[in-house]
Amino acid sequence: MAWETWRVLVVDDHPDFRETVRYVLAGDPRFEVVAEAASGEEAVTCAQQLQLDIVLMDLRLPGINGLTAAATIKSDRPEIIILMLSGDWSAAHDRRAKAAGIRARIAKQQFNLAEIYRALVTDSD
C-alpha cells in the first residue's frame, strides 16, 4: 500500500478541543493538520482555498452549523471526506448528515485514532 498523507481541516469553536484533535492526529504521521477554523463560515472558506482530504467538524458552531457548512463544502468539493464531531446526536441529525454527504459521525467523548480509522473505511453509501 502506498504511503498517503491526509491533509486535515479541524473545525470546532473550542480551542481546547481543536488542540485535543491535533494531539490525537499527531499519533499517526499520515495526518497533517493544515488549518483550523472556529466557525462554519471559516470552514467553508478554508475548504475553498486549501487542498484538503478530510474535514473534522463540530456539529454546533457559531454562525452556520456544521451540517450546513458540510453541505456547502460537499457541493463545491465532493471529494473531501467530512467526519462530524458531536457530543449529542439524533435521528434527525443522521438524516441531515447523510443528505449533506457526511461520511460518519464520531462522538467527541470517543474521539481517538481507532474511531477515525473506522470512519474512514466506512462505505459512504
PDB file of N, CA and C in Angstrom:
ATOM      1  N   MET A   1       0.841  -1.185   0.000  1.00  0.00           N
ATOM      2  CA  MET A   1       0.000   0.000   0.000  1.00  0.00           C
ATOM      3  C   MET A   1       0.887   1.249   0.000  1.00  0.00           C
ATOM      4  N   ALA A   2       0.542   2.194  -0.841  1.00  0.00           N
ATOM      5  CA  ALA A   2       1.336   3.413  -0.957  1.00  0.00           C
ATOM      6  C   ALA A   2       1.136   4.297   0.278  1.00  0.00           C
ATOM      7  N   TRP A   3       2.194   4.981   0.638  1.00  0.00           N
ATOM      8  CA  TRP A   3       2.117   5.920   1.758  1.00  0.00           C
ATOM      9  C   TRP A   3       1.246   7.089   1.330  1.00  0.00           C
ATOM     10  N   GLU A   4       0.337   7.460   2.173  1.00  0.00           N
ATOM     11  CA  GLU A   4      -0.593   8.533   1.866  1.00  0.00           C
ATOM     12  C   GLU A   4      -0.648   9.494   3.051  1.00  0.00           C
ATOM     13  N   THR A   5      -0.621  10.784   2.751  1.00  0.00           N
ATOM     14  CA  THR A   5      -0.799  11.787   3.793  1.00  0.00           C
ATOM     15  C   THR A   5      -2.145  12.449   3.577  1.00  0.00           C
ATOM     16  N   TRP A   6      -2.933  12.504   4.649  1.00  0.00           N
ATOM     17  CA  TRP A   6      -4.246  13.141   4.585  1.00  0.00           C
ATOM     18  C   TRP A   6      -4.143  14.549   5.142  1.00  0.00           C
ATOM     19  N   ARG A   7      -4.504  15.524   4.323  1.00  0.00           N
ATOM     20  CA  ARG A   7      -4.494  16.928   4.730  1.00  0.00           C
ATOM     21  C   ARG A   7      -5.827  17.220   5.405  1.00  0.00           C
ATOM     22  N   VAL A   8      -5.751  17.691   6.660  1.00  0.00           N
ATOM     23  CA  VAL A   8      -6.929  17.783   7.516  1.00  0.00           C
ATOM     24  C   VAL A   8      -7.220  19.227   7.925  1.00  0.00           C
ATOM     25  N   LEU A   9      -8.512  19.566   7.906  1.00  0.00           N
ATOM     26  CA  LEU A   9      -9.024  20.802   8.479  1.00  0.00           C
ATOM     27  C   LEU A   9      -9.796  20.429   9.736  1.00  0.00           C
ATOM     28  N   VAL A  10      -9.474  21.073  10.859  1.00  0.00           N
ATOM     29  CA  VAL A  10     -10.157  20.842  12.128  1.00  0.00           C
ATOM     30  C   VAL A  10     -11.059  22.040  12.408  1.00  0.00           C
ATOM     31  N   VAL A  11     -12.359  21.763  12.617  1.00  0.00           N
ATOM     32  CA  VAL A  11     -13.337  22.829  12.814  1.00  0.00           C
ATOM     33  C   VAL A  11     -14.064  22.624  14.140  1.00  0.00           C
ATOM     34  N   ASP A  12     -13.825  23.515  15.074  1.00  0.00           N
ATOM     35  CA  ASP A  12     -14.513  23.490  16.371  1.00  0.00           C
ATOM     36  C   ASP A  12     -14.364  24.869  16.980  1.00  0.00           C
ATOM     37  N   ASP A  13     -15.407  25.346  17.656  1.00  0.00           N
ATOM     38  CA  ASP A  13     -15.322  26.684  18.237  1.00  0.00           C
ATOM     39  C   ASP A  13     -14.608  26.702  19.581  1.00  0.00           C
ATOM     40  N   HIS A  14     -14.204  25.549  20.080  1.00  0.00           N
ATOM     41  CA  HIS A  14     -13.472  25.484  21.346  1.00  0.00           C
ATOM     42  C   HIS A  14     -11.989  25.185  21.071  1.00  0.00           C
ATOM     43  N   PRO A  15     -11.101  26.152  21.343  1.00  0.00           N
ATOM     44  CA  PRO A  15      -9.669  25.942  21.083  1.00  0.00           C
ATOM     45  C   PRO A  15      -9.105  24.715  21.792  1.00  0.00           C
ATOM     46  N   ASP A  16      -9.583  24.416  22.993  1.00  0.00           N
ATOM     47  CA  ASP A  16      -9.068  23.243  23.712  1.00  0.00           C
ATOM     48  C   ASP A  16      -9.394  21.952  22.980  1.00  0.00           C
ATOM     49  N   PHE A  17     -10.590  21.865  22.390  1.00  0.00           N
ATOM     50  CA  PHE A  17     -10.916  20.643  21.658  1.00  0.00           C
ATOM     51  C   PHE A  17     -10.124  20.556  20.358  1.00  0.00           C
ATOM     52  N   ARG A  18      -9.894  21.688  19.686  1.00  0.00           N
ATOM     53  CA  ARG A  18      -9.044  21.660  18.486  1.00  0.00           C
ATOM     54  C   ARG A  18      -7.653  21.161  18.853  1.00  0.00           C
ATOM     55  N   GLU A  19      -7.145  21.586  19.996  1.00  0.00           N
ATOM     56  CA  GLU A  19      -5.834  21.119  20.457  1.00  0.00           C
ATOM     57  C   GLU A  19      -5.859  19.607  20.708  1.00  0.00           C
ATOM     58  N   THR A  20      -6.932  19.109  21.293  1.00  0.00           N
ATOM     59  CA  THR A  20      -7.068  17.665  21.516  1.00  0.00           C
ATOM     60  C   THR A  20      -7.038  16.914  20.188  1.00  0.00           C
ATOM     61  N   VAL A  21      -7.758  17.418  19.196  1.00  0.00           N
ATOM     62  CA  VAL A  21      -7.780  16.771  17.877  1.00  0.00           C
ATOM     63  C   VAL A  21      -6.374  16.754  17.283  1.00  0.00           C
ATOM     64  N   ARG A  22      -5.675  17.882  17.350  1.00  0.00           N
ATOM     65  CA  ARG A  22      -4.290  17.923  16.838  1.00  0.00           C
ATOM     66  C   ARG A  22      -3.423  16.887  17.549  1.00  0.00           C
ATOM     67  N   TYR A  23      -3.566  16.785  18.866  1.00  0.00           N
ATOM     68  CA  TYR A  23      -2.775  15.835  19.658  1.00  0.00           C
ATOM     69  C   TYR A  23      -3.074  14.400  19.234  1.00  0.00           C
ATOM     70  N   VAL A  24      -4.336  14.065  19.078  1.00  0.00           N
ATOM     71  CA  VAL A  24      -4.714  12.709  18.661  1.00  0.00           C
ATOM     72  C   VAL A  24      -4.161  12.410  17.267  1.00  0.00           C
ATOM     73  N   LEU A  25      -4.322  13.335  16.337  1.00  0.00           N
ATOM     74  CA  LEU A  25      -3.847  13.116  14.971  1.00  0.00           C
ATOM     75  C   LEU A  25      -2.330  13.017  14.897  1.00  0.00           C
ATOM     76  N   ALA A  26      -1.632  13.661  15.821  1.00  0.00           N
ATOM     77  CA  ALA A  26      -0.163  13.594  15.844  1.00  0.00           C
ATOM     78  C   ALA A  26       0.322  12.169  16.098  1.00  0.00           C
ATOM     79  N   GLY A  27      -0.561  11.301  16.571  1.00  0.00           N
ATOM     80  CA  GLY A  27      -0.208   9.902  16.795  1.00  0.00           C
ATOM     81  C   GLY A  27      -0.052   9.096  15.517  1.00  0.00           C
ATOM     82  N   ASP A  28      -0.381   9.672  14.383  1.00  0.00           N
ATOM     83  CA  ASP A  28      -0.241   8.987  13.095  1.00  0.00           C
ATOM     84  C   ASP A  28       0.311   9.987  12.091  1.00  0.00           C
ATOM     85  N   PRO A  29       1.536   9.782  11.599  1.00  0.00           N
ATOM     86  CA  PRO A  29       2.149  10.763  10.696  1.00  0.00           C
ATOM     87  C   PRO A  29       1.441  10.904   9.355  1.00  0.00           C
ATOM     88  N   ARG A  30       0.466  10.050   9.076  1.00  0.00           N
ATOM     89  CA  ARG A  30      -0.292  10.190   7.822  1.00  0.00           C
ATOM     90  C   ARG A  30      -1.265  11.356   7.867  1.00  0.00           C
ATOM     91  N   PHE A  31      -1.562  11.871   9.068  1.00  0.00           N
ATOM     92  CA  PHE A  31      -2.460  13.012   9.193  1.00  0.00           C
ATOM     93  C   PHE A  31      -1.640  14.291   9.323  1.00  0.00           C
ATOM     94  N   GLU A  32      -1.977  15.278   8.512  1.00  0.00           N
ATOM     95  CA  GLU A  32      -1.327  16.587   8.590  1.00  0.00           C
ATOM     96  C   GLU A  32      -2.421  17.645   8.759  1.00  0.00           C
ATOM     97  N   VAL A  33      -2.477  18.258   9.929  1.00  0.00           N
ATOM     98  CA  VAL A  33      -3.440  19.333  10.154  1.00  0.00           C
ATOM     99  C   VAL A  33      -2.897  20.569   9.440  1.00  0.00           C
ATOM    100  N   VAL A  34      -3.611  20.995   8.396  1.00  0.00           N
ATOM    101  CA  VAL A  34      -3.142  22.123   7.597  1.00  0.00           C
ATOM    102  C   VAL A  34      -3.850  23.420   7.962  1.00  0.00           C
ATOM    103  N   ALA A  35      -4.991  23.316   8.659  1.00  0.00           N
ATOM    104  CA  ALA A  35      -5.711  24.528   9.056  1.00  0.00           C
ATOM    105  C   ALA A  35      -6.722  24.187  10.142  1.00  0.00           C
ATOM    106  N   GLU A  36      -7.142  25.254  10.835  1.00  0.00           N
ATOM    107  CA  GLU A  36      -8.188  25.148  11.836  1.00  0.00           C
ATOM    108  C   GLU A  36      -9.192  26.262  11.581  1.00  0.00           C
ATOM    109  N   ALA A  37     -10.420  26.008  11.982  1.00  0.00           N
ATOM    110  CA  ALA A  37     -11.475  27.015  11.866  1.00  0.00           C
ATOM    111  C   ALA A  37     -12.341  26.943  13.112  1.00  0.00           C
ATOM    112  N   ALA A  38     -12.944  28.093  13.469  1.00  0.00           N
ATOM    113  CA  ALA A  38     -13.781  28.163  14.667  1.00  0.00           C
ATOM    114  C   ALA A  38     -15.254  28.371  14.344  1.00  0.00           C
ATOM    115  N   SER A  39     -15.599  28.445  13.051  1.00  0.00           N
ATOM    116  CA  SER A  39     -16.999  28.639  12.659  1.00  0.00           C
ATOM    117  C   SER A  39     -17.256  27.912  11.345  1.00  0.00           C
ATOM    118  N   GLY A  40     -18.537  27.744  11.044  1.00  0.00           N
ATOM    119  CA  GLY A  40     -18.908  27.122   9.780  1.00  0.00           C
ATOM    120  C   GLY A  40     -18.457  27.935   8.585  1.00  0.00           C
ATOM    121  N   GLU A  41     -18.578  29.246   8.694  1.00  0.00           N
ATOM    122  CA  GLU A  41     -18.152  30.121   7.597  1.00  0.00           C
ATOM    123  C   GLU A  41     -16.651  29.995   7.338  1.00  0.00           C
ATOM    124  N   GLU A  42     -15.857  29.969   8.424  1.00  0.00           N
ATOM    125  CA  GLU A  42     -14.401  29.803   8.264  1.00  0.00           C
ATOM    126  C   GLU A  42     -14.084  28.454   7.621  1.00  0.00           C
ATOM    127  N   ALA A  43     -14.830  27.415   7.994  1.00  0.00           N
ATOM    128  CA  ALA A  43     -14.604  26.088   7.414  1.00  0.00           C
ATOM    129  C   ALA A  43     -14.843  26.104   5.906  1.00  0.00           C
ATOM    130  N   VAL A  44     -15.917  26.730   5.481  1.00  0.00           N
ATOM    131  CA  VAL A  44     -16.229  26.813   4.047  1.00  0.00           C
ATOM    132  C   VAL A  44     -15.118  27.558   3.313  1.00  0.00           C
ATOM    133  N   THR A  45     -14.665  28.674   3.873  1.00  0.00           N
ATOM    134  CA  THR A  45     -13.593  29.450   3.249  1.00  0.00           C
ATOM    135  C   THR A  45     -12.313  28.622   3.134  1.00  0.00           C
ATOM    136  N   CYS A  46     -11.944  27.924   4.204  1.00  0.00           N
ATOM    137  CA  CYS A  46     -10.736  27.083   4.173  1.00  0.00           C
ATOM    138  C   CYS A  46     -10.859  25.999   3.102  1.00  0.00           C
ATOM    139  N   ALA A  47     -12.030  25.372   3.029  1.00  0.00           N
ATOM    140  CA  ALA A  47     -12.227  24.299   2.051  1.00  0.00           C
ATOM    141  C   ALA A  47     -12.135  24.821   0.621  1.00  0.00           C
ATOM    142  N   GLN A  48     -12.526  26.068   0.417  1.00  0.00           N
ATOM    143  CA  GLN A  48     -12.429  26.666  -0.919  1.00  0.00           C
ATOM    144  C   GLN A  48     -10.995  27.027  -1.272  1.00  0.00           C
ATOM    145  N   GLN A  49     -10.201  27.379  -0.266  1.00  0.00           N
ATOM    146  CA  GLN A  49      -8.860  27.913  -0.523  1.00  0.00           C
ATOM    147  C   GLN A  49      -7.737  26.893  -0.403  1.00  0.00           C
ATOM    148  N   LEU A  50      -7.977  25.791   0.303  1.00  0.00           N
ATOM    149  CA  LEU A  50      -6.909  24.836   0.587  1.00  0.00           C
ATOM    150  C   LEU A  50      -7.163  23.496  -0.086  1.00  0.00           C
ATOM    151  N   GLN A  51      -6.093  22.770  -0.318  1.00  0.00           N
ATOM    152  CA  GLN A  51      -6.206  21.397  -0.805  1.00  0.00           C
ATOM    153  C   GLN A  51      -6.400  20.508   0.418  1.00  0.00           C
ATOM    154  N   LEU A  52      -7.594  19.970   0.604  1.00  0.00           N
ATOM    155  CA  LEU A  52      -7.920  19.169   1.779  1.00  0.00           C
ATOM    156  C   LEU A  52      -8.377  17.773   1.379  1.00  0.00           C
ATOM    157  N   ASP A  53      -8.142  16.830   2.287  1.00  0.00           N
ATOM    158  CA  ASP A  53      -8.659  15.470   2.115  1.00  0.00           C
ATOM    159  C   ASP A  53      -9.779  15.180   3.100  1.00  0.00           C
ATOM    160  N   ILE A  54      -9.622  15.697   4.326  1.00  0.00           N
ATOM    161  CA  ILE A  54     -10.551  15.383   5.406  1.00  0.00           C
ATOM    162  C   ILE A  54     -10.894  16.654   6.174  1.00  0.00           C
ATOM    163  N   VAL A  55     -12.178  16.785   6.549  1.00  0.00           N
ATOM    164  CA  VAL A  55     -12.609  17.843   7.452  1.00  0.00           C
ATOM    165  C   VAL A  55     -13.210  17.164   8.676  1.00  0.00           C
ATOM    166  N   LEU A  56     -12.664  17.472   9.837  1.00  0.00           N
ATOM    167  CA  LEU A  56     -13.225  17.021  11.115  1.00  0.00           C
ATOM    168  C   LEU A  56     -13.974  18.218  11.678  1.00  0.00           C
ATOM    169  N   MET A  57     -15.320  18.136  11.720  1.00  0.00           N
ATOM    170  CA  MET A  57     -16.118  19.317  12.023  1.00  0.00           C
ATOM    171  C   MET A  57     -17.124  19.065  13.133  1.00  0.00           C
ATOM    172  N   ASP A  58     -17.171  20.022  14.050  1.00  0.00           N
ATOM    173  CA  ASP A  58     -18.163  20.008  15.119  1.00  0.00           C
ATOM    174  C   ASP A  58     -19.544  20.267  14.534  1.00  0.00           C
ATOM    175  N   LEU A  59     -20.548  19.681  15.151  1.00  0.00           N
ATOM    176  CA  LEU A  59     -21.932  19.912  14.739  1.00  0.00           C
ATOM    177  C   LEU A  59     -22.375  21.330  15.093  1.00  0.00           C
ATOM    178  N   ARG A  60     -22.115  21.719  16.338  1.00  0.00           N
ATOM    179  CA  ARG A  60     -22.595  23.012  16.836  1.00  0.00           C
ATOM    180  C   ARG A  60     -21.480  24.051  16.715  1.00  0.00           C
ATOM    181  N   LEU A  61     -21.725  25.018  15.839  1.00  0.00           N
ATOM    182  CA  LEU A  61     -20.757  26.075  15.571  1.00  0.00           C
ATOM    183  C   LEU A  61     -21.463  27.420  15.562  1.00  0.00           C
ATOM    184  N   PRO A  62     -20.740  28.489  15.862  1.00  0.00           N
ATOM    185  CA  PRO A  62     -21.347  29.814  15.708  1.00  0.00           C
ATOM    186  C   PRO A  62     -21.576  30.103  14.221  1.00  0.00           C
ATOM    187  N   GLY A  63     -22.580  30.899  13.932  1.00  0.00           N
ATOM    188  CA  GLY A  63     -22.906  31.171  12.528  1.00  0.00           C
ATOM    189  C   GLY A  63     -23.600  29.950  11.947  1.00  0.00           C
ATOM    190  N   ILE A  64     -23.203  29.555  10.757  1.00  0.00           N
ATOM    191  CA  ILE A  64     -23.819  28.356  10.173  1.00  0.00           C
ATOM    192  C   ILE A  64     -23.306  27.128  10.912  1.00  0.00           C
ATOM    193  N   ASN A  65     -24.185  26.158  11.149  1.00  0.00           N
ATOM    194  CA  ASN A  65     -23.778  24.975  11.910  1.00  0.00           C
ATOM    195  C   ASN A  65     -22.972  24.010  11.040  1.00  0.00           C
ATOM    196  N   GLY A  66     -22.466  22.971  11.661  1.00  0.00           N
ATOM    197  CA  GLY A  66     -21.616  22.013  10.961  1.00  0.00           C
ATOM    198  C   GLY A  66     -22.300  21.298   9.815  1.00  0.00           C
ATOM    199  N   LEU A  67     -23.581  20.974   9.965  1.00  0.00           N
ATOM    200  CA  LEU A  67     -24.305  20.290   8.890  1.00  0.00           C
ATOM    201  C   LEU A  67     -24.440  21.191   7.663  1.00  0.00           C
ATOM    202  N   THR A  68     -24.771  22.443   7.891  1.00  0.00           N
ATOM    203  CA  THR A  68     -24.908  23.391   6.779  1.00  0.00           C
ATOM    204  C   THR A  68     -23.560  23.642   6.116  1.00  0.00           C
ATOM    205  N   ALA A  69     -22.526  23.829   6.927  1.00  0.00           N
ATOM    206  CA  ALA A  69     -21.181  24.039   6.373  1.00  0.00           C
ATOM    207  C   ALA A  69     -20.734  22.815   5.578  1.00  0.00           C
ATOM    208  N   ALA A  70     -21.015  21.619   6.094  1.00  0.00           N
ATOM    209  CA  ALA A  70     -20.631  20.387   5.395  1.00  0.00           C
ATOM    210  C   ALA A  70     -21.322  20.290   4.043  1.00  0.00           C
ATOM    211  N   ALA A  71     -22.613  20.588   4.005  1.00  0.00           N
ATOM    212  CA  ALA A  71     -23.351  20.529   2.735  1.00  0.00           C
ATOM    213  C   ALA A  71     -22.764  21.503   1.724  1.00  0.00           C
ATOM    214  N   THR A  72     -22.384  22.693   2.178  1.00  0.00           N
ATOM    215  CA  THR A  72     -21.787  23.688   1.291  1.00  0.00           C
ATOM    216  C   THR A  72     -20.437  23.206   0.771  1.00  0.00           C
ATOM    217  N   ILE A  73     -19.625  22.666   1.657  1.00  0.00           N
ATOM    218  CA  ILE A  73     -18.300  22.157   1.264  1.00  0.00           C
ATOM    219  C   ILE A  73     -18.448  21.016   0.264  1.00  0.00           C
ATOM    220  N   LYS A  74     -19.331  20.067   0.555  1.00  0.00           N
ATOM    221  CA  LYS A  74     -19.501  18.906  -0.327  1.00  0.00           C
ATOM    222  C   LYS A  74     -20.064  19.291  -1.691  1.00  0.00           C
ATOM    223  N   SER A  75     -20.907  20.343  -1.743  1.00  0.00           N
ATOM    224  CA  SER A  75     -21.450  20.752  -3.039  1.00  0.00           C
ATOM    225  C   SER A  75     -20.353  21.318  -3.937  1.00  0.00           C
ATOM    226  N   ASP A  76     -19.353  21.944  -3.320  1.00  0.00           N
ATOM    227  CA  ASP A  76     -18.249  22.542  -4.065  1.00  0.00           C
ATOM    228  C   ASP A  76     -17.089  21.566  -4.254  1.00  0.00           C
ATOM    229  N   ARG A  77     -16.831  20.741  -3.254  1.00  0.00           N
ATOM    230  CA  ARG A  77     -15.673  19.829  -3.262  1.00  0.00           C
ATOM    231  C   ARG A  77     -16.112  18.430  -2.816  1.00  0.00           C
ATOM    232  N   PRO A  78     -16.821  17.682  -3.660  1.00  0.00           N
ATOM    233  CA  PRO A  78     -17.387  16.389  -3.252  1.00  0.00           C
ATOM    234  C   PRO A  78     -16.346  15.342  -2.851  1.00  0.00           C
ATOM    235  N   GLU A  79     -15.104  15.536  -3.242  1.00  0.00           N
ATOM    236  CA  GLU A  79     -14.062  14.550  -2.918  1.00  0.00           C
ATOM    237  C   GLU A  79     -13.598  14.634  -1.463  1.00  0.00           C
ATOM    238  N   ILE A  80     -13.880  15.731  -0.791  1.00  0.00           N
ATOM    239  CA  ILE A  80     -13.450  15.899   0.602  1.00  0.00           C
ATOM    240  C   ILE A  80     -14.287  14.989   1.503  1.00  0.00           C
ATOM    241  N   ILE A  81     -13.621  14.273   2.383  1.00  0.00           N
ATOM    242  CA  ILE A  81     -14.287  13.426   3.370  1.00  0.00           C
ATOM    243  C   ILE A  81     -14.588  14.279   4.595  1.00  0.00           C
ATOM    244  N   ILE A  82     -15.844  14.293   5.002  1.00  0.00           N
ATOM    245  CA  ILE A  82     -16.224  15.064   6.188  1.00  0.00           C
ATOM    246  C   ILE A  82     -16.666  14.102   7.277  1.00  0.00           C
ATOM    247  N   LEU A  83     -16.021  14.236   8.435  1.00  0.00           N
ATOM    248  CA  LEU A  83     -16.382  13.478   9.624  1.00  0.00           C
ATOM    249  C   LEU A  83     -16.935  14.469  10.635  1.00  0.00           C
ATOM    250  N   MET A  84     -18.151  14.218  11.083  1.00  0.00           N
ATOM    251  CA  MET A  84     -18.813  15.125  12.020  1.00  0.00           C
ATOM    252  C   MET A  84     -18.460  14.720  13.437  1.00  0.00           C
ATOM    253  N   LEU A  85     -18.110  15.710  14.249  1.00  0.00           N
ATOM    254  CA  LEU A  85     -17.809  15.503  15.658  1.00  0.00           C
ATOM    255  C   LEU A  85     -18.940  16.098  16.472  1.00  0.00           C
ATOM    256  N   SER A  86     -19.455  15.328  17.431  1.00  0.00           N
ATOM    257  CA  SER A  86     -20.578  15.850  18.204  1.00  0.00           C
ATOM    258  C   SER A  86     -20.686  15.150  19.535  1.00  0.00           C
ATOM    259  N   GLY A  87     -21.069  15.923  20.532  1.00  0.00           N
ATOM    260  CA  GLY A  87     -21.345  15.364  21.851  1.00  0.00           C
ATOM    261  C   GLY A  87     -22.767  14.847  21.954  1.00  0.00           C
ATOM    262  N   ASP A  88     -23.642  15.356  21.095  1.00  0.00           N
ATOM    263  CA  ASP A  88     -25.024  14.892  21.080  1.00  0.00           C
ATOM    264  C   ASP A  88     -25.452  14.663  19.638  1.00  0.00           C
ATOM    265  N   TRP A  89     -26.388  13.755  19.431  1.00  0.00           N
ATOM    266  CA  TRP A  89     -26.766  13.348  18.083  1.00  0.00           C
ATOM    267  C   TRP A  89     -28.185  12.816  18.132  1.00  0.00           C
ATOM    268  N   SER A  90     -28.899  12.917  17.025  1.00  0.00           N
ATOM    269  CA  SER A  90     -30.270  12.419  16.962  1.00  0.00           C
ATOM    270  C   SER A  90     -30.524  11.782  15.604  1.00  0.00           C
ATOM    271  N   ALA A  91     -31.659  11.136  15.469  1.00  0.00           N
ATOM    272  CA  ALA A  91     -32.043  10.545  14.186  1.00  0.00           C
ATOM    273  C   ALA A  91     -32.167  11.632  13.117  1.00  0.00           C
ATOM    274  N   ALA A  92     -32.670  12.809  13.503  1.00  0.00           N
ATOM    275  CA  ALA A  92     -32.766  13.917  12.545  1.00  0.00           C
ATOM    276  C   ALA A  92     -31.381  14.340  12.064  1.00  0.00           C
ATOM    277  N   HIS A  93     -30.406  14.358  12.971  1.00  0.00           N
ATOM    278  CA  HIS A  93     -29.033  14.682  12.573  1.00  0.00           C
ATOM    279  C   HIS A  93     -28.512  13.635  11.590  1.00  0.00           C
ATOM    280  N   ASP A  94     -28.818  12.362  11.842  1.00  0.00           N
ATOM    281  CA  ASP A  94     -28.398  11.295  10.927  1.00  0.00           C
ATOM    282  C   ASP A  94     -28.918  11.549   9.518  1.00  0.00           C
ATOM    283  N   ARG A  95     -30.195  11.865   9.408  1.00  0.00           N
ATOM    284  CA  ARG A  95     -30.797  12.107   8.090  1.00  0.00           C
ATOM    285  C   ARG A  95     -30.140  13.302   7.401  1.00  0.00           C
ATOM    286  N   ARG A  96     -29.971  14.385   8.141  1.00  0.00           N
ATOM    287  CA  ARG A  96     -29.358  15.583   7.548  1.00  0.00           C
ATOM    288  C   ARG A  96     -27.890  15.336   7.185  1.00  0.00           C
ATOM    289  N   ALA A  97     -27.190  14.575   8.009  1.00  0.00           N
ATOM    290  CA  ALA A  97     -25.782  14.274   7.737  1.00  0.00           C
ATOM    291  C   ALA A  97     -25.644  13.458   6.458  1.00  0.00           C
ATOM    292  N   LYS A  98     -26.495  12.454   6.301  1.00  0.00           N
ATOM    293  CA  LYS A  98     -26.455  11.626   5.086  1.00  0.00           C
ATOM    294  C   LYS A  98     -26.758  12.490   3.865  1.00  0.00           C
ATOM    295  N   ALA A  99     -27.780  13.360   3.972  1.00  0.00           N
ATOM    296  CA  ALA A  99     -28.139  14.233   2.853  1.00  0.00           C
ATOM    297  C   ALA A  99     -27.006  15.205   2.511  1.00  0.00           C
ATOM    298  N   ALA A 100     -26.247  15.614   3.513  1.00  0.00           N
ATOM    299  CA  ALA A 100     -25.138  16.555   3.296  1.00  0.00           C
ATOM    300  C   ALA A 100     -23.881  15.875   2.759  1.00  0.00           C
ATOM    301  N   GLY A 101     -23.845  14.554   2.772  1.00  0.00           N
ATOM    302  CA  GLY A 101     -22.671  13.843   2.282  1.00  0.00           C
ATOM    303  C   GLY A 101     -21.603  13.596   3.330  1.00  0.00           C
ATOM    304  N   ILE A 102     -21.987  13.683   4.590  1.00  0.00           N
ATOM    305  CA  ILE A 102     -21.038  13.428   5.670  1.00  0.00           C
ATOM    306  C   ILE A 102     -20.770  11.931   5.758  1.00  0.00           C
ATOM    307  N   ARG A 103     -19.499  11.560   5.825  1.00  0.00           N
ATOM    308  CA  ARG A 103     -19.106  10.145   5.831  1.00  0.00           C
ATOM    309  C   ARG A 103     -19.558   9.448   7.096  1.00  0.00           C
ATOM    310  N   ALA A 104     -19.287  10.061   8.252  1.00  0.00           N
ATOM    311  CA  ALA A 104     -19.604   9.407   9.521  1.00  0.00           C
ATOM    312  C   ALA A 104     -19.608  10.433  10.634  1.00  0.00           C
ATOM    313  N   ARG A 105     -20.157  10.005  11.767  1.00  0.00           N
ATOM    314  CA  ARG A 105     -20.153  10.832  12.967  1.00  0.00           C
ATOM    315  C   ARG A 105     -19.272  10.158  14.008  1.00  0.00           C
ATOM    316  N   ILE A 106     -18.449  10.951  14.677  1.00  0.00           N
ATOM    317  CA  ILE A 106     -17.624  10.458  15.777  1.00  0.00           C
ATOM    318  C   ILE A 106     -18.040  11.228  17.022  1.00  0.00           C
ATOM    319  N   ALA A 107     -18.398  10.503  18.064  1.00  0.00           N
ATOM    320  CA  ALA A 107     -18.753  11.148  19.326  1.00  0.00           C
ATOM    321  C   ALA A 107     -17.503  11.791  19.915  1.00  0.00           C
ATOM    322  N   LYS A 108     -17.635  13.028  20.356  1.00  0.00           N
ATOM    323  CA  LYS A 108     -16.482  13.717  20.942  1.00  0.00           C
ATOM    324  C   LYS A 108     -15.915  12.943  22.124  1.00  0.00           C
ATOM    325  N   GLN A 109     -16.790  12.301  22.885  1.00  0.00           N
ATOM    326  CA  GLN A 109     -16.358  11.561  24.064  1.00  0.00           C
ATOM    327  C   GLN A 109     -15.523  10.331  23.685  1.00  0.00           C
ATOM    328  N   GLN A 110     -15.632   9.872  22.432  1.00  0.00           N
ATOM    329  CA  GLN A 110     -14.918   8.675  21.977  1.00  0.00           C
ATOM    330  C   GLN A 110     -13.890   8.999  20.901  1.00  0.00           C
ATOM    331  N   PHE A 111     -13.495  10.263  20.792  1.00  0.00           N
ATOM    332  CA  PHE A 111     -12.599  10.670  19.721  1.00  0.00           C
ATOM    333  C   PHE A 111     -11.209  10.086  19.931  1.00  0.00           C
ATOM    334  N   ASN A 112     -10.781   9.227  19.008  1.00  0.00           N
ATOM    335  CA  ASN A 112      -9.445   8.637  19.042  1.00  0.00           C
ATOM    336  C   ASN A 112      -9.098   8.154  17.638  1.00  0.00           C
ATOM    337  N   LEU A 113      -7.870   7.707  17.442  1.00  0.00           N
ATOM    338  CA  LEU A 113      -7.444   7.271  16.115  1.00  0.00           C
ATOM    339  C   LEU A 113      -8.254   6.079  15.617  1.00  0.00           C
ATOM    340  N   ALA A 114      -8.592   5.150  16.499  1.00  0.00           N
ATOM    341  CA  ALA A 114      -9.366   3.973  16.073  1.00  0.00           C
ATOM    342  C   ALA A 114     -10.712   4.398  15.491  1.00  0.00           C
ATOM    343  N   GLU A 115     -11.363   5.381  16.110  1.00  0.00           N
ATOM    344  CA  GLU A 115     -12.656   5.864  15.601  1.00  0.00           C
ATOM    345  C   GLU A 115     -12.478   6.557  14.246  1.00  0.00           C
ATOM    346  N   ILE A 116     -11.386   7.286  14.081  1.00  0.00           N
ATOM    347  CA  ILE A 116     -11.125   7.932  12.795  1.00  0.00           C
ATOM    348  C   ILE A 116     -10.908   6.874  11.713  1.00  0.00           C
ATOM    349  N   TYR A 117     -10.071   5.869  12.006  1.00  0.00           N
ATOM    350  CA  TYR A 117      -9.822   4.806  11.023  1.00  0.00           C
ATOM    351  C   TYR A 117     -11.126   4.110  10.651  1.00  0.00           C
ATOM    352  N   ARG A 118     -11.959   3.814  11.631  1.00  0.00           N
ATOM    353  CA  ARG A 118     -13.234   3.145  11.384  1.00  0.00           C
ATOM    354  C   ARG A 118     -14.111   4.001  10.467  1.00  0.00           C
ATOM    355  N   ALA A 119     -14.154   5.291  10.736  1.00  0.00           N
ATOM    356  CA  ALA A 119     -14.960   6.191   9.916  1.00  0.00           C
ATOM    357  C   ALA A 119     -14.421   6.295   8.494  1.00  0.00           C
ATOM    358  N   LEU A 120     -13.108   6.266   8.342  1.00  0.00           N
ATOM    359  CA  LEU A 120     -12.517   6.409   7.012  1.00  0.00           C
ATOM    360  C   LEU A 120     -12.737   5.174   6.154  1.00  0.00           C
ATOM    361  N   VAL A 121     -12.881   4.015   6.755  1.00  0.00           N
ATOM    362  CA  VAL A 121     -13.110   2.814   5.946  1.00  0.00           C
ATOM    363  C   VAL A 121     -14.586   2.486   5.784  1.00  0.00           C
ATOM    364  N   THR A 122     -15.453   3.255   6.448  1.00  0.00           N
ATOM    365  CA  THR A 122     -16.891   3.065   6.329  1.00  0.00           C
ATOM    366  C   THR A 122     -17.323   3.438   4.927  1.00  0.00           C
ATOM    367  N   ASP A 123     -18.127   2.580   4.328  1.00  0.00           N
ATOM    368  CA  ASP A 123     -18.686   2.878   2.999  1.00  0.00           C
ATOM    369  C   ASP A 123     -19.626   4.061   3.129  1.00  0.00           C
ATOM    370  N   SER A 124     -19.450   5.072   2.324  1.00  0.00           N
ATOM    371  CA  SER A 124     -20.261   6.273   2.426  1.00  0.00           C
ATOM    372  C   SER A 124     -21.655   6.123   1.859  1.00  0.00           C
ATOM    373  N   ASP A 125     -21.980   5.016   1.254  1.00  0.00           N
ATOM    374  CA  ASP A 125     -23.331   4.815   0.707  1.00  0.00           C
ATOM    375  C   ASP A 125     -24.292   4.362   1.761  1.00  0.00           C
TER     376      ASP A 125
END
